[in-house]
C-alpha atoms as a PDB file:
ATOM      1  CA  UNK A   1      14.557  -9.807  14.490  1.00  0.00           C
ATOM      2  CA  UNK A   2      14.229 -10.576  18.207  1.00  0.00           C
ATOM      3  CA  UNK A   3      12.034  -8.609  20.582  1.00  0.00           C
ATOM      4  CA  UNK A   4      14.862  -6.641  22.306  1.00  0.00           C
ATOM      5  CA  UNK A   5      16.110  -5.494  18.913  1.00  0.00           C
ATOM      6  CA  UNK A   6      12.682  -4.145  18.032  1.00  0.00           C
ATOM      7  CA  UNK A   7      12.496  -2.181  21.296  1.00  0.00           C
ATOM      8  CA  UNK A   8      15.861  -0.641  20.510  1.00  0.00           C
ATOM      9  CA  UNK A   9      14.702   0.522  17.078  1.00  0.00           C
ATOM     10  CA  UNK A  10      11.499   1.945  18.553  1.00  0.00           C
ATOM     11  CA  UNK A  11      13.261   3.736  21.432  1.00  0.00           C
ATOM     12  CA  UNK A  12      16.190   5.108  19.409  1.00  0.00           C
ATOM     13  CA  UNK A  13      14.306   8.211  18.215  1.00  0.00           C
ATOM     14  CA  UNK A  14      13.358   9.023  21.809  1.00  0.00           C
ATOM     15  CA  UNK A  15      16.979   8.757  22.864  1.00  0.00           C
ATOM     16  CA  UNK A  16      18.008  11.150  20.089  1.00  0.00           C
ATOM     17  CA  UNK A  17      15.350  13.669  21.123  1.00  0.00           C
ATOM     18  CA  UNK A  18      16.515  13.445  24.758  1.00  0.00           C
ATOM     19  CA  UNK A  19      20.121  14.310  23.828  1.00  0.00           C
ATOM     20  CA  UNK A  20      19.062  17.510  22.023  1.00  0.00           C
ATOM     21  CA  UNK A  21      19.165  16.175  18.467  1.00  0.00           C
ATOM     22  CA  UNK A  22      17.066  18.195  16.022  1.00  0.00           C
ATOM     23  CA  UNK A  23      16.899  17.852  12.240  1.00  0.00           C
ATOM     24  CA  UNK A  24      19.050  20.541  10.604  1.00  0.00           C
ATOM     25  CA  UNK A  25      16.108  21.903   8.564  1.00  0.00           C
ATOM     26  CA  UNK A  26      13.478  21.123  11.198  1.00  0.00           C
ATOM     27  CA  UNK A  27      11.448  23.787  13.058  1.00  0.00           C
ATOM     28  CA  UNK A  28      14.207  24.322  15.596  1.00  0.00           C
ATOM     29  CA  UNK A  29      17.095  23.278  13.348  1.00  0.00           C
ATOM     30  CA  UNK A  30      20.125  25.542  13.082  1.00  0.00           C
ATOM     31  CA  UNK A  31      20.250  25.336   9.263  1.00  0.00           C
ATOM     32  CA  UNK A  32      16.630  26.276   8.734  1.00  0.00           C
ATOM     33  CA  UNK A  33      17.553  29.871   8.036  1.00  0.00           C
ATOM     34  CA  UNK A  34      20.129  29.078   5.358  1.00  0.00           C
ATOM     35  CA  UNK A  35      17.692  28.577   2.498  1.00  0.00           C
ATOM     36  CA  UNK A  36      18.008  31.491   0.080  1.00  0.00           C
ATOM     37  CA  UNK A  37      20.423  33.347   2.418  1.00  0.00           C
ATOM     38  CA  UNK A  38      23.781  32.602   0.806  1.00  0.00           C
ATOM     39  CA  UNK A  39      24.954  34.165  -2.453  1.00  0.00           C
ATOM     40  CA  UNK A  40      27.925  32.431  -4.096  1.00  0.00           C
ATOM     41  CA  UNK A  41      30.359  34.641  -6.003  1.00  0.00           C
ATOM     42  CA  UNK A  42      29.703  34.851  -9.720  1.00  0.00           C
ATOM     43  CA  UNK A  43      31.440  32.043 -11.636  1.00  0.00           C
ATOM     44  CA  UNK A  44      34.114  32.916 -14.171  1.00  0.00           C
ATOM     45  CA  UNK A  45      34.437  29.506 -15.869  1.00  0.00           C
ATOM     46  CA  UNK A  46      32.516  26.250 -16.425  1.00  0.00           C
ATOM     47  CA  UNK A  47      33.729  24.676 -13.187  1.00  0.00           C
ATOM     48  CA  UNK A  48      32.654  27.717 -11.205  1.00  0.00           C
ATOM     49  CA  UNK A  49      29.283  27.635 -12.931  1.00  0.00           C
ATOM     50  CA  UNK A  50      28.816  23.930 -12.042  1.00  0.00           C
ATOM     51  CA  UNK A  51      29.769  24.681  -8.433  1.00  0.00           C
ATOM     52  CA  UNK A  52      27.344  27.594  -8.065  1.00  0.00           C
ATOM     53  CA  UNK A  53      24.572  25.617  -9.752  1.00  0.00           C
ATOM     54  CA  UNK A  54      24.912  22.824  -7.189  1.00  0.00           C
ATOM     55  CA  UNK A  55      25.150  25.240  -4.259  1.00  0.00           C
ATOM     56  CA  UNK A  56      21.903  26.895  -5.386  1.00  0.00           C
ATOM     57  CA  UNK A  57      20.277  23.485  -5.816  1.00  0.00           C
ATOM     58  CA  UNK A  58      21.086  22.672  -2.196  1.00  0.00           C
ATOM     59  CA  UNK A  59      20.722  26.080  -0.529  1.00  0.00           C
ATOM     60  CA  UNK A  60      18.148  27.738  -2.768  1.00  0.00           C
ATOM     61  CA  UNK A  61      18.564  30.774  -4.999  1.00  0.00           C
ATOM     62  CA  UNK A  62      19.399  33.808  -2.908  1.00  0.00           C
ATOM     63  CA  UNK A  63      16.519  36.309  -2.712  1.00  0.00           C
ATOM     64  CA  UNK A  64      17.626  38.530   0.131  1.00  0.00           C
ATOM     65  CA  UNK A  65      21.033  37.091   0.973  1.00  0.00           C
ATOM     66  CA  UNK A  66      22.624  37.661   4.363  1.00  0.00           C
ATOM     67  CA  UNK A  67      25.933  36.056   3.403  1.00  0.00           C
ATOM     68  CA  UNK A  68      28.390  36.040   0.497  1.00  0.00           C
ATOM     69  CA  UNK A  69      30.318  32.860  -0.302  1.00  0.00           C
ATOM     70  CA  UNK A  70      33.699  33.437  -1.949  1.00  0.00           C
ATOM     71  CA  UNK A  71      35.664  30.541  -3.295  1.00  0.00           C
ATOM     72  CA  UNK A  72      38.799  29.565  -5.176  1.00  0.00           C
ATOM     73  CA  UNK A  73      38.803  26.374  -7.256  1.00  0.00           C
ATOM     74  CA  UNK A  74      42.014  24.432  -8.004  1.00  0.00           C
ATOM     75  CA  UNK A  75      41.965  21.208 -10.035  1.00  0.00           C
ATOM     76  CA  UNK A  76      44.721  18.958 -11.372  1.00  0.00           C
ATOM     77  CA  UNK A  77      44.606  15.940 -13.663  1.00  0.00           C
ATOM     78  CA  UNK A  78      47.168  13.156 -13.183  1.00  0.00           C
ATOM     79  CA  UNK A  79      47.699  10.127 -15.358  1.00  0.00           C
ATOM     80  CA  UNK A  80      46.733   6.739 -13.901  1.00  0.00           C
ATOM     81  CA  UNK A  81      46.926   4.247 -16.713  1.00  0.00           C
ATOM     82  CA  UNK A  82      49.521   4.053 -19.476  1.00  0.00           C
ATOM     83  CA  UNK A  83      49.723   1.388 -22.154  1.00  0.00           C
ATOM     84  CA  UNK A  84      53.023  -0.241 -23.262  1.00  0.00           C
ATOM     85  CA  UNK A  85      52.877   2.136 -26.240  1.00  0.00           C
ATOM     86  CA  UNK A  86      52.881   5.108 -23.802  1.00  0.00           C
ATOM     87  CA  UNK A  87      49.263   6.067 -24.444  1.00  0.00           C
ATOM     88  CA  UNK A  88      47.368   7.408 -21.454  1.00  0.00           C
ATOM     89  CA  UNK A  89      44.173   5.453 -20.756  1.00  0.00           C
ATOM     90  CA  UNK A  90      42.917   6.964 -17.482  1.00  0.00           C
ATOM     91  CA  UNK A  91      43.140  10.279 -15.640  1.00  0.00           C
ATOM     92  CA  UNK A  92      42.646  11.082 -11.983  1.00  0.00           C
ATOM     93  CA  UNK A  93      41.065  14.510 -11.439  1.00  0.00           C
ATOM     94  CA  UNK A  94      41.631  16.031  -8.007  1.00  0.00           C
ATOM     95  CA  UNK A  95      40.436  19.329  -6.756  1.00  0.00           C
ATOM     96  CA  UNK A  96      40.060  21.553  -3.767  1.00  0.00           C
ATOM     97  CA  UNK A  97      38.146  24.641  -2.972  1.00  0.00           C
ATOM     98  CA  UNK A  98      39.111  27.264  -0.396  1.00  0.00           C
ATOM     99  CA  UNK A  99      35.895  29.021   0.624  1.00  0.00           C
ATOM    100  CA  UNK A 100      34.871  31.817   2.937  1.00  0.00           C
ATOM    101  CA  UNK A 101      31.434  32.892   4.108  1.00  0.00           C
ATOM    102  CA  UNK A 102      31.181  36.650   4.726  1.00  0.00           C
ATOM    103  CA  UNK A 103      28.363  38.348   6.630  1.00  0.00           C
ATOM    104  CA  UNK A 104      26.842  41.133   4.539  1.00  0.00           C
ATOM    105  CA  UNK A 105      25.814  42.938   7.724  1.00  0.00           C
ATOM    106  CA  UNK A 106      29.284  43.120   9.333  1.00  0.00           C
ATOM    107  CA  UNK A 107      31.607  42.373   6.414  1.00  0.00           C
ATOM    108  CA  UNK A 108      33.369  39.851   8.660  1.00  0.00           C
ATOM    109  CA  UNK A 109      34.307  36.258   7.900  1.00  0.00           C
ATOM    110  CA  UNK A 110      31.682  33.990   9.435  1.00  0.00           C
ATOM    111  CA  UNK A 111      33.133  30.602   8.572  1.00  0.00           C
ATOM    112  CA  UNK A 112      35.166  28.931   5.874  1.00  0.00           C
ATOM    113  CA  UNK A 113      37.629  26.223   5.100  1.00  0.00           C
ATOM    114  CA  UNK A 114      38.894  23.878   2.446  1.00  0.00           C
ATOM    115  CA  UNK A 115      37.141  20.933   0.844  1.00  0.00           C
ATOM    116  CA  UNK A 116      38.819  18.442  -1.414  1.00  0.00           C
ATOM    117  CA  UNK A 117      37.801  15.482  -3.550  1.00  0.00           C
ATOM    118  CA  UNK A 118      38.673  13.418  -6.575  1.00  0.00           C
ATOM    119  CA  UNK A 119      37.210  11.505  -9.467  1.00  0.00           C
ATOM    120  CA  UNK A 120      38.592   9.736 -12.528  1.00  0.00           C
ATOM    121  CA  UNK A 121      37.786   9.288 -16.188  1.00  0.00           C
ATOM    122  CA  UNK A 122      38.825   7.123 -19.096  1.00  0.00           C
ATOM    123  CA  UNK A 123      40.757   8.514 -22.012  1.00  0.00           C
ATOM    124  CA  UNK A 124      40.179   5.574 -24.336  1.00  0.00           C
ATOM    125  CA  UNK A 125      38.161   5.974 -27.487  1.00  0.00           C
ATOM    126  CA  UNK A 126      37.914   8.998 -29.723  1.00  0.00           C
ATOM    127  CA  UNK A 127      39.069  12.522 -28.957  1.00  0.00           C
ATOM    128  CA  UNK A 128      35.500  13.656 -28.588  1.00  0.00           C
ATOM    129  CA  UNK A 129      34.688  10.830 -26.181  1.00  0.00           C
ATOM    130  CA  UNK A 130      37.781  11.663 -24.106  1.00  0.00           C
ATOM    131  CA  UNK A 131      36.855  15.332 -23.944  1.00  0.00           C
ATOM    132  CA  UNK A 132      33.307  14.483 -22.988  1.00  0.00           C
ATOM    133  CA  UNK A 133      34.579  12.150 -20.229  1.00  0.00           C
ATOM    134  CA  UNK A 134      36.837  14.888 -18.917  1.00  0.00           C
ATOM    135  CA  UNK A 135      33.972  17.418 -18.804  1.00  0.00           C
ATOM    136  CA  UNK A 136      31.746  14.906 -17.054  1.00  0.00           C
ATOM    137  CA  UNK A 137      34.431  14.165 -14.442  1.00  0.00           C
ATOM    138  CA  UNK A 138      34.900  17.902 -13.800  1.00  0.00           C
ATOM    139  CA  UNK A 139      31.082  18.293 -13.404  1.00  0.00           C
ATOM    140  CA  UNK A 140      30.991  15.397 -10.903  1.00  0.00           C
ATOM    141  CA  UNK A 141      33.939  16.819  -8.958  1.00  0.00           C
ATOM    142  CA  UNK A 142      32.282  20.245  -8.583  1.00  0.00           C
ATOM    143  CA  UNK A 143      29.091  18.551  -7.297  1.00  0.00           C
ATOM    144  CA  UNK A 144      31.155  16.546  -4.785  1.00  0.00           C
ATOM    145  CA  UNK A 145      32.935  19.667  -3.548  1.00  0.00           C
ATOM    146  CA  UNK A 146      29.717  21.780  -3.423  1.00  0.00           C
ATOM    147  CA  UNK A 147      28.043  19.079  -1.369  1.00  0.00           C
ATOM    148  CA  UNK A 148      30.955  19.111   1.079  1.00  0.00           C
ATOM    149  CA  UNK A 149      30.645  22.898   1.442  1.00  0.00           C
ATOM    150  CA  UNK A 150      26.929  22.637   2.098  1.00  0.00           C
ATOM    151  CA  UNK A 151      27.467  19.881   4.647  1.00  0.00           C
ATOM    152  CA  UNK A 152      29.986  22.027   6.543  1.00  0.00           C
ATOM    153  CA  UNK A 153      27.663  25.054   6.390  1.00  0.00           C
ATOM    154  CA  UNK A 154      24.817  22.965   7.820  1.00  0.00           C
ATOM    155  CA  UNK A 155      27.022  21.353  10.481  1.00  0.00           C
ATOM    156  CA  UNK A 156      28.407  24.649  11.741  1.00  0.00           C
ATOM    157  CA  UNK A 157      25.371  26.884  11.225  1.00  0.00           C
ATOM    158  CA  UNK A 158      24.353  26.651  14.860  1.00  0.00           C
ATOM    159  CA  UNK A 159      27.350  28.803  15.767  1.00  0.00           C
ATOM    160  CA  UNK A 160      26.890  31.619  13.244  1.00  0.00           C
ATOM    161  CA  UNK A 161      23.513  31.555  11.422  1.00  0.00           C
END
């Protein structure tokens, strides 16, 4: 690495500080107050449970929540691979979640939106192996979607938190 490149790397943090950049969970970060403040709606199925579990991993378990997070999960499985004998070998699992964050104080919608993602799984092997692969894909999909919700909450928290 040449000398000018090193100076750039050393000066980059100073440039970020000068433009008002602050870590989201830092002392002056907008998302600092989100930990333990958001209560996701009770899940009514395995996918909802996986979603809420991941949200709580990322945002903390709500102790004295200021916000309620309501959500609707929709998933579909489409076939990707078919053998000459018409046997399905691979599925594509897509999903989206419409979510809304409600202030407990005012009862008004604070923020919300839609997140979407996909994953896939193999259907080859035994019935048990196929079912296990499907459950694992659904678990991964809920984690992907939960992470997208958290990212949006963090990114927009400066305007409502």
